[in-house]
C-alpha cells in the first residue's frame, strides 16, 4: 500500500498478517461504534 511518493506500508506476516489486520480493524471499529453509542445514550 502506498501513501504519497515515498511512504510504503507493508503488512506484517504476508497475506495472513494482512488478513489478520483487516479482521482486527473491522472488529475494533464495531467495538468502538458500540462503545460510542453506549456513551452517547
Protein backbone atom coordinates (compact mmCIF):
# COMPACT_ATOMS: atom_id res chain seq x y z
CA UNK A 1 0.00 0.00 0.00
CA UNK A 2 1.41 3.41 -0.95
CA UNK A 3 0.83 6.80 0.65
CA UNK A 4 2.27 9.78 -1.21
CA UNK A 5 5.57 9.49 -3.07
CA UNK A 6 8.00 7.80 -0.71
CA UNK A 7 5.94 6.18 2.04
CA UNK A 8 5.15 2.50 1.62
CA UNK A 9 3.33 0.28 4.15
CA UNK A 10 3.76 -3.48 4.02
CA UNK A 11 1.56 -5.76 6.13
CA UNK A 12 3.42 -7.91 8.65
CA UNK A 13 3.39 -11.65 8.05
CA UNK A 14 2.49 -11.56 4.37
CA UNK A 15 -1.05 -12.47 3.31
CA UNK A 16 -2.05 -13.98 6.63
CA UNK A 17 -0.90 -10.91 8.53
CA UNK A 18 -2.81 -8.71 6.09
CA UNK A 19 -5.97 -10.74 6.69
CA UNK A 20 -5.47 -10.54 10.45
CA UNK A 21 -5.01 -6.76 10.29
CA UNK A 22 -8.20 -6.36 8.25
CA UNK A 23 -10.16 -8.58 10.66
CA UNK A 24 -8.77 -6.69 13.65
CA UNK A 25 -9.68 -3.32 12.17
CA UNK A 26 -13.25 -4.47 11.44
CA UNK A 27 -13.70 -5.84 14.98
CA UNK A 28 -12.16 -2.70 16.51
CA UNK A 29 -14.44 -0.39 14.52
CA UNK A 30 -17.52 -2.36 15.55
CA UNK A 31 -16.45 -2.26 19.20
CA UNK A 32 -15.76 1.47 19.01
CA UNK A 33 -19.17 2.07 17.47
CA UNK A 34 -20.89 0.11 20.25
CA UNK A 35 -18.94 1.94 22.95
CA UNK A 36 -19.69 5.32 21.36
CA UNK A 37 -23.40 4.50 21.20
CA UNK A 38 -23.42 3.43 24.85
CA UNK A 39 -21.67 6.63 25.92
CA UNK A 40 -23.96 8.89 23.86
CA UNK A 41 -27.21 7.29 25.04
